[in-house]
Structure formats: structure tokens, C-alpha cells
Amino acid sequence: MIRIGTRASALATTQSTWVGERLREAHGVDFELVEISTEGDRSSRPLAQIGGTGVFVAAVREALLAGEVDIAVHSLKDIPTAEAPGLLLAATPPREDPRDVVIARDGLTLGELPAGATVGTGSPRRVTQLNALGLGLRIRELRGNVDTRIGKVTGGELDAIVLARAGLLRLGRAEEATEILDPLQMLPAPGQGALACECRADDDATARLLAVLDDPDTRAAVTAERSLLATLEAGCSAPLGALADVVWGDDGDELWLRAVVGDPSGNPTIRRSAVGAPEEAAALGRRLAEELLADGAAEIMGSVTAP
């Protein structure tokens, strides 16, 4: 019996169940979910105020290190970029659609919302890119699970919300989105749509079980995105979006990385992209981050995150 540590939300348990079912199909092993409450789940304050990076994974990782569970399943975007002693990122399964979506009243798109319409999000990244569109929208702080956030629209409190499409797809609720946002409008968070399966670094048997779930293209993409994030020394409170894709180029597979850094007002905003080999994903992320820093990214992020 494999014990899988997970947050208790509907999305987290759905993701962890998916991992368990894939392991059962591949190896014939059974599994059980062990639900763990995290600091991020217990607090209703904005993530930046409660520490941001790691608040949804620390308690699950502690249970893994303590031997209370055998595997930890996370949304990869929630994992800090710093190395976690004693833990191994054993698998990054095939990524779900990383794009953001809009759920708006009356089936509207962002462009169809009137000036002054209220849009809910708890993400500085989304605030920055929404305001950069120049649509005259009023952004409102929003946290909570998928049901809570959608309820703000259906209950008439907000005109629209923006959230990740991956979560809706995994919950079987993709049809509730009224618009899928092109990455040209809204770059996702680094790692968005990807899962992370961790085990203890000395647990070779579990690492071998998880290896069957690892997807090389997903690992290359998220490695580039997280390398960029680490080089910028940015966390979830930073207005940063990034997305990498493995595409077919003239000489075989290429890794295309795009990134945006901006002020929540929408101005200034820096957008850059770079291309490299998938096997050099970490170097590609560092290179693009250095270009962003040369263009003033540190000053922008410093003005946003300073007390």
C-alpha cells in the first residue's frame, strides 16, 4: 500500500488520486490518500502576507520526511525553487493545459466586459497582465477553492474571475470557462498545470515506481521556468509569468521560453523570449532571467515586493 500525502481540497485529492491510479495501472500497487492541512489552506490572507512560496507544500513535505507518507503530490507551481534536503522530485507527469481562463457573468469574455467591471484574482501576476491590457477593469483580491471563487461570479459579487484551466479540466468543469486566455495576453505562473511527485531521496524503491510517470518534455519545460524564477529570486508575490514549450525546430526539438515581469499597474512591463535545447533547460532559464534583469526586472519586482 502506497501512502500519498495531499492537501484536502477537491482539486488536490483529484490530482493525487490520478497519480495513485496511474501507479496502480503501471505496477499493480494499491494506494491510500493521507490528507494534510497546510498553512495556505488554514489562512484566508493574501499569500504574500503569509509567506507566499511553500505555504501549500511545507506540511506535506514534513509528513513525507517523517515517514508518515511515501509520496507527496503537489501542484508544481507551489514548490519553492530552493533544493529540499532529503527529498527527490521523482516525477513530473504530462502537463495539463497551463493557460488561464476567465469565468464571467453572462458568458462574457474579458474584451466584452464593460469598463469598471470587477475581476477577482489573488495573483499579482494576473493583476499585472490584466491591467496591461488597458480594459479599465477593477481588480479585486480573491482566494479560496474553485467552488468559492466561481461562487463569487454566480452570486453576483464579481463580474468575472481568472483562474487556471488545468484545475477545471482535472475537476471536469472546463465548460464553465467563458474564455481561454492566449499566452500572448496572459502568461501563466511558472510550473502551472504541472504536477510534482516527491519521495524521500533515500527511497529508491518508490523512486523507481514513480519514474514511469515522468514526462521528459514536461520536465524540460518546468525546469526552464523554475530556473528563470530562481535566477530572478522571485516568489509567488512577484508579478512574473513564464511558459516553456518543447516544439519541433529545424534541427529537432527546441525549447521555447517566454516570460513577463511587470508592475501591477500594467506599466512598465517587460516581455522577453529565448530558445534553446531541451537538455539545456536550466541554462535557458538562467539566460532569459539575466536578460530580464538587464532590462530592469529587479527594479520592477523590488518596487512591488518592498514593504
C-alpha atoms as a PDB file:
ATOM      1  CA  MET A   1       0.000   0.000   0.000  1.00  0.00           C
ATOM      2  CA  ILE A   2       1.437   3.349  -1.123  1.00  0.00           C
ATOM      3  CA  ARG A   3       0.513   6.277   1.104  1.00  0.00           C
ATOM      4  CA  ILE A   4       0.108   9.525  -0.866  1.00  0.00           C
ATOM      5  CA  GLY A   5       0.279  12.793   1.035  1.00  0.00           C
ATOM      6  CA  THR A   6      -2.000  15.514  -0.321  1.00  0.00           C
ATOM      7  CA  ARG A   7      -3.828  18.669   0.605  1.00  0.00           C
ATOM      8  CA  ALA A   8      -7.501  18.058   1.361  1.00  0.00           C
ATOM      9  CA  SER A   9      -9.048  20.267  -1.335  1.00  0.00           C
ATOM     10  CA  ALA A  10     -11.128  18.697  -4.083  1.00  0.00           C
ATOM     11  CA  LEU A  11      -8.519  19.626  -6.677  1.00  0.00           C
ATOM     12  CA  ALA A  12      -5.578  18.313  -4.650  1.00  0.00           C
ATOM     13  CA  THR A  13      -7.249  14.979  -3.897  1.00  0.00           C
ATOM     14  CA  THR A  14      -8.312  14.624  -7.539  1.00  0.00           C
ATOM     15  CA  GLN A  15      -4.704  15.169  -8.648  1.00  0.00           C
ATOM     16  CA  SER A  16      -3.343  12.741  -6.059  1.00  0.00           C
ATOM     17  CA  THR A  17      -5.935  10.120  -6.945  1.00  0.00           C
ATOM     18  CA  TRP A  18      -4.888  10.418 -10.597  1.00  0.00           C
ATOM     19  CA  VAL A  19      -1.265   9.725  -9.591  1.00  0.00           C
ATOM     20  CA  GLY A  20      -2.317   6.756  -7.468  1.00  0.00           C
ATOM     21  CA  GLU A  21      -4.395   5.276 -10.287  1.00  0.00           C
ATOM     22  CA  ARG A  22      -1.518   5.599 -12.749  1.00  0.00           C
ATOM     23  CA  LEU A  23       0.781   3.787 -10.299  1.00  0.00           C
ATOM     24  CA  ARG A  24      -1.797   1.040  -9.845  1.00  0.00           C
ATOM     25  CA  GLU A  25      -2.116   0.618 -13.623  1.00  0.00           C
ATOM     26  CA  ALA A  26       1.651   0.548 -14.119  1.00  0.00           C
ATOM     27  CA  HIS A  27       2.737  -1.534 -11.135  1.00  0.00           C
ATOM     28  CA  GLY A  28      -0.360  -3.164  -9.643  1.00  0.00           C
ATOM     29  CA  VAL A  29       0.148  -1.397  -6.300  1.00  0.00           C
ATOM     30  CA  ASP A  30      -2.730  -0.065  -4.236  1.00  0.00           C
ATOM     31  CA  PHE A  31      -2.757   3.347  -2.626  1.00  0.00           C
ATOM     32  CA  GLU A  32      -4.443   5.481   0.008  1.00  0.00           C
ATOM     33  CA  LEU A  33      -4.634   9.247   0.324  1.00  0.00           C
ATOM     34  CA  VAL A  34      -3.444  10.918   3.508  1.00  0.00           C
ATOM     35  CA  GLU A  35      -4.973  14.392   3.711  1.00  0.00           C
ATOM     36  CA  ILE A  36      -2.789  17.067   5.299  1.00  0.00           C
ATOM     37  CA  SER A  37      -3.750  20.617   6.288  1.00  0.00           C
ATOM     38  CA  THR A  38      -1.262  23.282   5.168  1.00  0.00           C
ATOM     39  CA  GLU A  39      -0.705  26.853   6.274  1.00  0.00           C
ATOM     40  CA  GLY A  40      -2.038  28.096   2.968  1.00  0.00           C
ATOM     41  CA  ASP A  41      -5.277  26.177   3.486  1.00  0.00           C
ATOM     42  CA  ARG A  42      -5.809  27.486   7.009  1.00  0.00           C
ATOM     43  CA  SER A  43      -5.305  31.193   6.268  1.00  0.00           C
ATOM     44  CA  SER A  44      -7.580  33.476   4.271  1.00  0.00           C
ATOM     45  CA  ARG A  45      -4.983  36.244   3.985  1.00  0.00           C
ATOM     46  CA  PRO A  46      -3.252  37.030   0.667  1.00  0.00           C
ATOM     47  CA  LEU A  47      -0.468  34.549   0.006  1.00  0.00           C
ATOM     48  CA  ALA A  48       2.233  37.234   0.014  1.00  0.00           C
ATOM     49  CA  GLN A  49       1.264  38.137   3.595  1.00  0.00           C
ATOM     50  CA  ILE A  50       1.608  34.580   4.937  1.00  0.00           C
ATOM     51  CA  GLY A  51       4.925  33.829   3.308  1.00  0.00           C
ATOM     52  CA  GLY A  52       3.819  33.005  -0.229  1.00  0.00           C
ATOM     53  CA  THR A  53       6.196  30.365  -1.558  1.00  0.00           C
ATOM     54  CA  GLY A  54       5.883  26.991   0.112  1.00  0.00           C
ATOM     55  CA  VAL A  55       2.781  27.595   2.233  1.00  0.00           C
ATOM     56  CA  PHE A  56       0.867  24.846   0.397  1.00  0.00           C
ATOM     57  CA  VAL A  57       3.660  22.244   0.475  1.00  0.00           C
ATOM     58  CA  ALA A  58       5.641  22.560   3.731  1.00  0.00           C
ATOM     59  CA  ALA A  59       3.325  20.446   5.893  1.00  0.00           C
ATOM     60  CA  VAL A  60       3.030  17.729   3.238  1.00  0.00           C
ATOM     61  CA  ARG A  61       6.808  17.612   2.876  1.00  0.00           C
ATOM     62  CA  GLU A  62       7.217  17.365   6.646  1.00  0.00           C
ATOM     63  CA  ALA A  63       4.903  14.338   6.685  1.00  0.00           C
ATOM     64  CA  LEU A  64       6.937  12.761   3.886  1.00  0.00           C
ATOM     65  CA  LEU A  65      10.246  13.291   5.687  1.00  0.00           C
ATOM     66  CA  ALA A  66       8.737  11.928   8.901  1.00  0.00           C
ATOM     67  CA  GLY A  67       7.732   8.700   7.132  1.00  0.00           C
ATOM     68  CA  GLU A  68       4.015   9.331   7.566  1.00  0.00           C
ATOM     69  CA  VAL A  69       3.505   9.109   3.785  1.00  0.00           C
ATOM     70  CA  ASP A  70       5.526   7.553   0.958  1.00  0.00           C
ATOM     71  CA  ILE A  71       4.788  10.072  -1.803  1.00  0.00           C
ATOM     72  CA  ALA A  72       3.827  13.732  -1.830  1.00  0.00           C
ATOM     73  CA  VAL A  73       1.836  15.120  -4.743  1.00  0.00           C
ATOM     74  CA  HIS A  74       1.867  18.885  -5.268  1.00  0.00           C
ATOM     75  CA  SER A  75       0.878  21.434  -7.860  1.00  0.00           C
ATOM     76  CA  LEU A  76       4.375  22.124  -9.133  1.00  0.00           C
ATOM     77  CA  LYS A  77       3.891  25.892  -9.152  1.00  0.00           C
ATOM     78  CA  ASP A  78       3.562  25.775  -5.343  1.00  0.00           C
ATOM     79  CA  ILE A  79       7.027  24.267  -4.781  1.00  0.00           C
ATOM     80  CA  PRO A  80       9.878  26.635  -3.817  1.00  0.00           C
ATOM     81  CA  THR A  81      12.802  26.618  -6.227  1.00  0.00           C
ATOM     82  CA  ALA A  82      15.353  26.029  -3.444  1.00  0.00           C
ATOM     83  CA  GLU A  83      16.527  22.435  -3.022  1.00  0.00           C
ATOM     84  CA  ALA A  84      14.658  20.452  -0.365  1.00  0.00           C
ATOM     85  CA  PRO A  85      17.197  18.342   1.592  1.00  0.00           C
ATOM     86  CA  GLY A  86      16.166  14.721   1.880  1.00  0.00           C
ATOM     87  CA  LEU A  87      13.575  14.892  -0.889  1.00  0.00           C
ATOM     88  CA  LEU A  88      13.618  13.879  -4.553  1.00  0.00           C
ATOM     89  CA  LEU A  89      11.413  15.244  -7.324  1.00  0.00           C
ATOM     90  CA  ALA A  90      10.937  11.787  -8.775  1.00  0.00           C
ATOM     91  CA  ALA A  91       8.341  12.528 -11.458  1.00  0.00           C
ATOM     92  CA  THR A  92       6.738  15.356 -13.363  1.00  0.00           C
ATOM     93  CA  PRO A  93       3.772  13.724 -15.151  1.00  0.00           C
ATOM     94  CA  PRO A  94       2.491  15.041 -18.501  1.00  0.00           C
ATOM     95  CA  ARG A  95       1.396  18.628 -18.050  1.00  0.00           C
ATOM     96  CA  GLU A  96      -2.222  19.669 -18.238  1.00  0.00           C
ATOM     97  CA  ASP A  97      -3.150  22.818 -20.208  1.00  0.00           C
ATOM     98  CA  PRO A  98      -1.181  25.617 -18.457  1.00  0.00           C
ATOM     99  CA  ARG A  99      -3.323  28.514 -19.708  1.00  0.00           C
ATOM    100  CA  ASP A 100      -5.533  30.779 -17.607  1.00  0.00           C
ATOM    101  CA  VAL A 101      -9.255  31.105 -18.211  1.00  0.00           C
ATOM    102  CA  VAL A 102     -11.987  33.592 -17.497  1.00  0.00           C
ATOM    103  CA  ILE A 103     -15.301  32.715 -15.875  1.00  0.00           C
ATOM    104  CA  ALA A 104     -17.570  35.718 -16.337  1.00  0.00           C
ATOM    105  CA  ARG A 105     -21.226  36.544 -15.902  1.00  0.00           C
ATOM    106  CA  ASP A 106     -23.499  36.132 -18.900  1.00  0.00           C
ATOM    107  CA  GLY A 107     -20.865  34.122 -20.774  1.00  0.00           C
ATOM    108  CA  LEU A 108     -18.722  37.209 -21.449  1.00  0.00           C
ATOM    109  CA  THR A 109     -15.055  37.389 -22.440  1.00  0.00           C
ATOM    110  CA  LEU A 110     -12.589  39.881 -20.978  1.00  0.00           C
ATOM    111  CA  GLY A 111     -12.969  42.128 -24.000  1.00  0.00           C
ATOM    112  CA  GLU A 112     -16.752  42.091 -23.667  1.00  0.00           C
ATOM    113  CA  LEU A 113     -16.762  43.159 -20.014  1.00  0.00           C
ATOM    114  CA  PRO A 114     -17.641  46.848 -19.623  1.00  0.00           C
ATOM    115  CA  ALA A 115     -15.095  49.314 -18.253  1.00  0.00           C
ATOM    116  CA  GLY A 116     -15.254  49.242 -14.461  1.00  0.00           C
ATOM    117  CA  ALA A 117     -16.245  45.570 -14.302  1.00  0.00           C
ATOM    118  CA  THR A 118     -14.881  43.747 -11.249  1.00  0.00           C
ATOM    119  CA  VAL A 119     -12.481  40.836 -11.799  1.00  0.00           C
ATOM    120  CA  GLY A 120     -11.287  38.645  -8.933  1.00  0.00           C
ATOM    121  CA  THR A 121      -7.800  37.171  -8.582  1.00  0.00           C
ATOM    122  CA  GLY A 122      -5.273  36.690  -5.794  1.00  0.00           C
ATOM    123  CA  SER A 123      -2.298  36.655  -8.166  1.00  0.00           C
ATOM    124  CA  PRO A 124      -0.023  39.703  -8.679  1.00  0.00           C
ATOM    125  CA  ARG A 125       0.995  38.079 -11.981  1.00  0.00           C
ATOM    126  CA  ARG A 126      -2.581  38.152 -13.228  1.00  0.00           C
ATOM    127  CA  VAL A 127      -3.180  41.671 -11.880  1.00  0.00           C
ATOM    128  CA  THR A 128      -0.167  42.939 -13.834  1.00  0.00           C
ATOM    129  CA  GLN A 129      -1.209  41.371 -17.112  1.00  0.00           C
ATOM    130  CA  LEU A 130      -4.894  42.270 -16.749  1.00  0.00           C
ATOM    131  CA  ASN A 131      -4.030  45.921 -16.192  1.00  0.00           C
ATOM    132  CA  ALA A 132      -1.549  45.863 -19.087  1.00  0.00           C
ATOM    133  CA  LEU A 133      -4.480  45.050 -21.396  1.00  0.00           C
ATOM    134  CA  GLY A 134      -5.902  48.523 -20.743  1.00  0.00           C
ATOM    135  CA  LEU A 135      -9.519  47.395 -20.434  1.00  0.00           C
ATOM    136  CA  GLY A 136     -10.372  49.563 -17.429  1.00  0.00           C
ATOM    137  CA  LEU A 137     -11.208  46.604 -15.217  1.00  0.00           C
ATOM    138  CA  ARG A 138     -11.329  46.838 -11.415  1.00  0.00           C
ATOM    139  CA  ILE A 139      -9.315  44.049  -9.807  1.00  0.00           C
ATOM    140  CA  ARG A 140     -10.473  42.554  -6.510  1.00  0.00           C
ATOM    141  CA  GLU A 141      -8.454  40.317  -4.154  1.00  0.00           C
ATOM    142  CA  LEU A 142      -9.734  36.744  -4.270  1.00  0.00           C
ATOM    143  CA  ARG A 143      -8.723  33.492  -2.577  1.00  0.00           C
ATOM    144  CA  GLY A 144     -10.417  30.182  -1.881  1.00  0.00           C
ATOM    145  CA  ASN A 145     -11.094  26.892  -3.614  1.00  0.00           C
ATOM    146  CA  VAL A 146     -12.617  26.627  -7.076  1.00  0.00           C
ATOM    147  CA  ASP A 147     -16.198  26.477  -5.785  1.00  0.00           C
ATOM    148  CA  THR A 148     -15.693  29.551  -3.599  1.00  0.00           C
ATOM    149  CA  ARG A 149     -14.213  31.588  -6.418  1.00  0.00           C
ATOM    150  CA  ILE A 150     -16.806  30.596  -9.009  1.00  0.00           C
ATOM    151  CA  GLY A 151     -19.495  31.370  -6.439  1.00  0.00           C
ATOM    152  CA  LYS A 152     -18.374  34.994  -6.372  1.00  0.00           C
ATOM    153  CA  VAL A 153     -19.480  35.249 -10.014  1.00  0.00           C
ATOM    154  CA  THR A 154     -22.664  33.198  -9.861  1.00  0.00           C
ATOM    155  CA  GLY A 155     -23.642  35.047  -6.681  1.00  0.00           C
ATOM    156  CA  GLY A 156     -23.199  38.434  -8.352  1.00  0.00           C
ATOM    157  CA  GLU A 157     -20.374  39.670  -6.135  1.00  0.00           C
ATOM    158  CA  LEU A 158     -17.912  39.800  -9.038  1.00  0.00           C
ATOM    159  CA  ASP A 159     -18.312  40.164 -12.789  1.00  0.00           C
ATOM    160  CA  ALA A 160     -15.538  37.683 -13.552  1.00  0.00           C
ATOM    161  CA  ILE A 161     -12.635  35.698 -12.158  1.00  0.00           C
ATOM    162  CA  VAL A 162      -9.412  34.419 -13.676  1.00  0.00           C
ATOM    163  CA  LEU A 163      -8.055  31.002 -12.724  1.00  0.00           C
ATOM    164  CA  ALA A 164      -6.022  28.103 -14.127  1.00  0.00           C
ATOM    165  CA  ARG A 165      -7.642  25.934 -16.776  1.00  0.00           C
ATOM    166  CA  ALA A 166      -5.756  22.866 -15.544  1.00  0.00           C
ATOM    167  CA  GLY A 167      -7.736  22.782 -12.324  1.00  0.00           C
ATOM    168  CA  LEU A 168     -11.053  22.998 -14.145  1.00  0.00           C
ATOM    169  CA  LEU A 169     -10.031  20.220 -16.529  1.00  0.00           C
ATOM    170  CA  ARG A 170      -8.994  17.927 -13.694  1.00  0.00           C
ATOM    171  CA  LEU A 171     -12.275  18.603 -11.887  1.00  0.00           C
ATOM    172  CA  GLY A 172     -14.333  18.015 -15.041  1.00  0.00           C
ATOM    173  CA  ARG A 173     -15.551  21.625 -15.073  1.00  0.00           C
ATOM    174  CA  ALA A 174     -13.774  23.031 -18.133  1.00  0.00           C
ATOM    175  CA  GLU A 175     -17.068  24.015 -19.778  1.00  0.00           C
ATOM    176  CA  GLU A 176     -17.638  26.663 -17.096  1.00  0.00           C
ATOM    177  CA  ALA A 177     -14.897  28.856 -18.562  1.00  0.00           C
ATOM    178  CA  THR A 178     -16.208  31.638 -20.777  1.00  0.00           C
ATOM    179  CA  GLU A 179     -12.790  32.351 -22.355  1.00  0.00           C
ATOM    180  CA  ILE A 180      -9.412  30.644 -22.620  1.00  0.00           C
ATOM    181  CA  LEU A 181      -6.695  33.292 -22.460  1.00  0.00           C
ATOM    182  CA  ASP A 182      -3.959  33.170 -25.071  1.00  0.00           C
ATOM    183  CA  PRO A 183      -0.467  33.272 -23.503  1.00  0.00           C
ATOM    184  CA  LEU A 184       0.123  36.401 -25.588  1.00  0.00           C
ATOM    185  CA  GLN A 185      -2.393  38.062 -23.265  1.00  0.00           C
ATOM    186  CA  MET A 186      -1.715  36.163 -20.053  1.00  0.00           C
ATOM    187  CA  LEU A 187       1.400  34.098 -19.391  1.00  0.00           C
ATOM    188  CA  PRO A 188       0.801  31.534 -16.629  1.00  0.00           C
ATOM    189  CA  ALA A 189       2.752  31.045 -13.425  1.00  0.00           C
ATOM    190  CA  PRO A 190       5.970  29.035 -13.754  1.00  0.00           C
ATOM    191  CA  GLY A 191       5.009  25.376 -13.434  1.00  0.00           C
ATOM    192  CA  GLN A 192       1.264  25.996 -13.796  1.00  0.00           C
ATOM    193  CA  GLY A 193      -0.629  22.914 -14.946  1.00  0.00           C
ATOM    194  CA  ALA A 194       2.152  20.527 -13.922  1.00  0.00           C
ATOM    195  CA  LEU A 195       2.255  18.093 -11.010  1.00  0.00           C
ATOM    196  CA  ALA A 196       5.225  17.230  -8.821  1.00  0.00           C
ATOM    197  CA  CYS A 197       5.623  13.770  -7.273  1.00  0.00           C
ATOM    198  CA  GLU A 198       8.177  13.716  -4.480  1.00  0.00           C
ATOM    199  CA  CYS A 199       9.582  10.881  -2.399  1.00  0.00           C
ATOM    200  CA  ARG A 200      12.383  10.622   0.135  1.00  0.00           C
ATOM    201  CA  ALA A 201      15.793  10.833  -1.513  1.00  0.00           C
ATOM    202  CA  ASP A 202      16.886   7.525   0.043  1.00  0.00           C
ATOM    203  CA  ASP A 203      13.724   5.645  -1.007  1.00  0.00           C
ATOM    204  CA  ASP A 204      14.970   4.045  -4.197  1.00  0.00           C
ATOM    205  CA  ALA A 205      12.040   1.636  -4.472  1.00  0.00           C
ATOM    206  CA  THR A 206       9.434   4.407  -4.503  1.00  0.00           C
ATOM    207  CA  ALA A 207      11.549   6.492  -6.878  1.00  0.00           C
ATOM    208  CA  ARG A 208      11.530   3.569  -9.321  1.00  0.00           C
ATOM    209  CA  LEU A 209       7.746   3.295  -9.039  1.00  0.00           C
ATOM    210  CA  LEU A 210       7.323   6.985  -9.808  1.00  0.00           C
ATOM    211  CA  ALA A 211       9.786   7.040 -12.703  1.00  0.00           C
ATOM    212  CA  VAL A 212       7.140   5.624 -15.060  1.00  0.00           C
ATOM    213  CA  LEU A 213       5.097   8.818 -14.619  1.00  0.00           C
ATOM    214  CA  ASP A 214       7.880  11.223 -15.589  1.00  0.00           C
ATOM    215  CA  ASP A 215       7.388  13.097 -18.882  1.00  0.00           C
ATOM    216  CA  PRO A 216      10.647  14.439 -20.409  1.00  0.00           C
ATOM    217  CA  ASP A 217       9.007  17.354 -22.248  1.00  0.00           C
ATOM    218  CA  THR A 218       7.176  18.484 -19.116  1.00  0.00           C
ATOM    219  CA  ARG A 219      10.338  18.205 -17.020  1.00  0.00           C
ATOM    220  CA  ALA A 220      12.320  20.255 -19.540  1.00  0.00           C
ATOM    221  CA  ALA A 221       9.649  22.963 -19.675  1.00  0.00           C
ATOM    222  CA  VAL A 222       9.214  23.345 -15.930  1.00  0.00           C
ATOM    223  CA  THR A 223      12.964  23.148 -15.352  1.00  0.00           C
ATOM    224  CA  ALA A 224      13.434  26.174 -17.620  1.00  0.00           C
ATOM    225  CA  GLU A 225      10.578  28.073 -15.974  1.00  0.00           C
ATOM    226  CA  ARG A 226      11.797  27.346 -12.452  1.00  0.00           C
ATOM    227  CA  SER A 227      15.400  28.157 -13.338  1.00  0.00           C
ATOM    228  CA  LEU A 228      14.215  31.560 -14.533  1.00  0.00           C
ATOM    229  CA  LEU A 229      12.223  32.004 -11.319  1.00  0.00           C
ATOM    230  CA  ALA A 230      15.205  31.070  -9.158  1.00  0.00           C
ATOM    231  CA  THR A 231      17.613  33.350 -11.008  1.00  0.00           C
ATOM    232  CA  LEU A 232      15.226  36.257 -10.569  1.00  0.00           C
ATOM    233  CA  GLU A 233      14.901  35.277  -6.878  1.00  0.00           C
ATOM    234  CA  ALA A 234      11.159  35.679  -7.308  1.00  0.00           C
ATOM    235  CA  GLY A 235       8.302  34.009  -5.469  1.00  0.00           C
ATOM    236  CA  CYS A 236       4.539  33.932  -5.756  1.00  0.00           C
ATOM    237  CA  SER A 237       4.317  37.565  -4.647  1.00  0.00           C
ATOM    238  CA  ALA A 238       6.284  38.645  -7.729  1.00  0.00           C
ATOM    239  CA  PRO A 239       4.371  39.748 -10.850  1.00  0.00           C
ATOM    240  CA  LEU A 240       6.081  37.163 -13.039  1.00  0.00           C
ATOM    241  CA  GLY A 241       4.690  34.881 -15.733  1.00  0.00           C
ATOM    242  CA  ALA A 242       6.612  32.249 -17.682  1.00  0.00           C
ATOM    243  CA  LEU A 243       5.836  29.430 -20.083  1.00  0.00           C
ATOM    244  CA  ALA A 244       8.117  26.981 -21.873  1.00  0.00           C
ATOM    245  CA  ASP A 245       7.128  24.633 -24.697  1.00  0.00           C
ATOM    246  CA  VAL A 246       9.020  21.871 -26.483  1.00  0.00           C
ATOM    247  CA  VAL A 247       8.474  22.472 -30.204  1.00  0.00           C
ATOM    248  CA  TRP A 248       9.822  20.953 -33.413  1.00  0.00           C
ATOM    249  CA  GLY A 249      12.531  23.129 -34.946  1.00  0.00           C
ATOM    250  CA  ASP A 250      14.804  22.960 -37.965  1.00  0.00           C
ATOM    251  CA  ASP A 251      17.273  20.694 -36.164  1.00  0.00           C
ATOM    252  CA  GLY A 252      14.877  18.709 -33.963  1.00  0.00           C
ATOM    253  CA  ASP A 253      13.264  19.514 -30.635  1.00  0.00           C
ATOM    254  CA  GLU A 254      13.660  23.053 -29.343  1.00  0.00           C
ATOM    255  CA  LEU A 255      12.607  24.596 -26.045  1.00  0.00           C
ATOM    256  CA  TRP A 256      10.899  27.970 -26.380  1.00  0.00           C
ATOM    257  CA  LEU A 257      10.658  30.027 -23.185  1.00  0.00           C
ATOM    258  CA  ARG A 258       8.610  33.191 -22.774  1.00  0.00           C
ATOM    259  CA  ALA A 259       8.460  35.429 -19.703  1.00  0.00           C
ATOM    260  CA  VAL A 260       6.873  38.654 -18.488  1.00  0.00           C
ATOM    261  CA  VAL A 261       7.659  40.856 -15.498  1.00  0.00           C
ATOM    262  CA  GLY A 262       5.649  43.957 -14.750  1.00  0.00           C
ATOM    263  CA  ASP A 263       4.260  46.408 -12.263  1.00  0.00           C
ATOM    264  CA  PRO A 264       0.702  45.637 -11.071  1.00  0.00           C
ATOM    265  CA  SER A 265      -0.417  48.911 -12.636  1.00  0.00           C
ATOM    266  CA  GLY A 266       0.386  47.350 -16.007  1.00  0.00           C
ATOM    267  CA  ASN A 267       3.214  49.775 -16.733  1.00  0.00           C
ATOM    268  CA  PRO A 268       6.115  49.158 -17.064  1.00  0.00           C
ATOM    269  CA  THR A 269       6.003  45.604 -18.383  1.00  0.00           C
ATOM    270  CA  ILE A 270       8.944  43.630 -19.803  1.00  0.00           C
ATOM    271  CA  ARG A 271       8.356  40.671 -22.144  1.00  0.00           C
ATOM    272  CA  ARG A 272      11.173  38.541 -23.490  1.00  0.00           C
ATOM    273  CA  SER A 273      11.650  35.090 -25.042  1.00  0.00           C
ATOM    274  CA  ALA A 274      14.532  32.715 -25.751  1.00  0.00           C
ATOM    275  CA  VAL A 275      15.088  29.393 -27.500  1.00  0.00           C
ATOM    276  CA  GLY A 276      17.436  26.562 -26.587  1.00  0.00           C
ATOM    277  CA  ALA A 277      17.848  22.812 -26.451  1.00  0.00           C
ATOM    278  CA  PRO A 278      15.574  20.843 -24.078  1.00  0.00           C
ATOM    279  CA  GLU A 279      18.615  19.228 -22.441  1.00  0.00           C
ATOM    280  CA  GLU A 280      19.883  22.718 -21.550  1.00  0.00           C
ATOM    281  CA  ALA A 281      16.626  23.830 -19.933  1.00  0.00           C
ATOM    282  CA  ALA A 282      18.166  25.185 -16.727  1.00  0.00           C
ATOM    283  CA  ALA A 283      20.727  27.243 -18.645  1.00  0.00           C
ATOM    284  CA  LEU A 284      17.987  28.625 -20.902  1.00  0.00           C
ATOM    285  CA  GLY A 285      16.004  29.785 -17.874  1.00  0.00           C
ATOM    286  CA  ARG A 286      19.057  31.492 -16.380  1.00  0.00           C
ATOM    287  CA  ARG A 287      19.886  33.191 -19.675  1.00  0.00           C
ATOM    288  CA  LEU A 288      16.409  34.644 -20.123  1.00  0.00           C
ATOM    289  CA  ALA A 289      16.324  35.747 -16.477  1.00  0.00           C
ATOM    290  CA  GLU A 290      19.615  37.571 -16.952  1.00  0.00           C
ATOM    291  CA  GLU A 291      18.144  39.373 -19.978  1.00  0.00           C
ATOM    292  CA  LEU A 292      15.130  40.415 -17.900  1.00  0.00           C
ATOM    293  CA  LEU A 293      17.409  41.646 -15.121  1.00  0.00           C
ATOM    294  CA  ALA A 294      19.442  43.649 -17.624  1.00  0.00           C
ATOM    295  CA  ASP A 295      16.178  45.270 -18.771  1.00  0.00           C
ATOM    296  CA  GLY A 296      15.216  46.328 -15.225  1.00  0.00           C
ATOM    297  CA  ALA A 297      13.211  43.387 -13.872  1.00  0.00           C
ATOM    298  CA  ALA A 298      14.803  43.623 -10.410  1.00  0.00           C
ATOM    299  CA  GLU A 299      13.767  47.250 -10.030  1.00  0.00           C
ATOM    300  CA  ILE A 300      10.192  46.467 -11.026  1.00  0.00           C
ATOM    301  CA  MET A 301       9.893  43.487  -8.695  1.00  0.00           C
ATOM    302  CA  GLY A 302      11.630  45.359  -5.879  1.00  0.00           C
ATOM    303  CA  SER A 303       9.125  48.200  -6.066  1.00  0.00           C
ATOM    304  CA  VAL A 304       6.268  45.705  -5.861  1.00  0.00           C
ATOM    305  CA  THR A 305       7.520  43.446  -3.064  1.00  0.00           C
ATOM    306  CA  ALA A 306       9.164  46.077  -0.844  1.00  0.00           C
ATOM    307  CA  PRO A 307       7.302  46.738   2.446  1.00  0.00           C
END
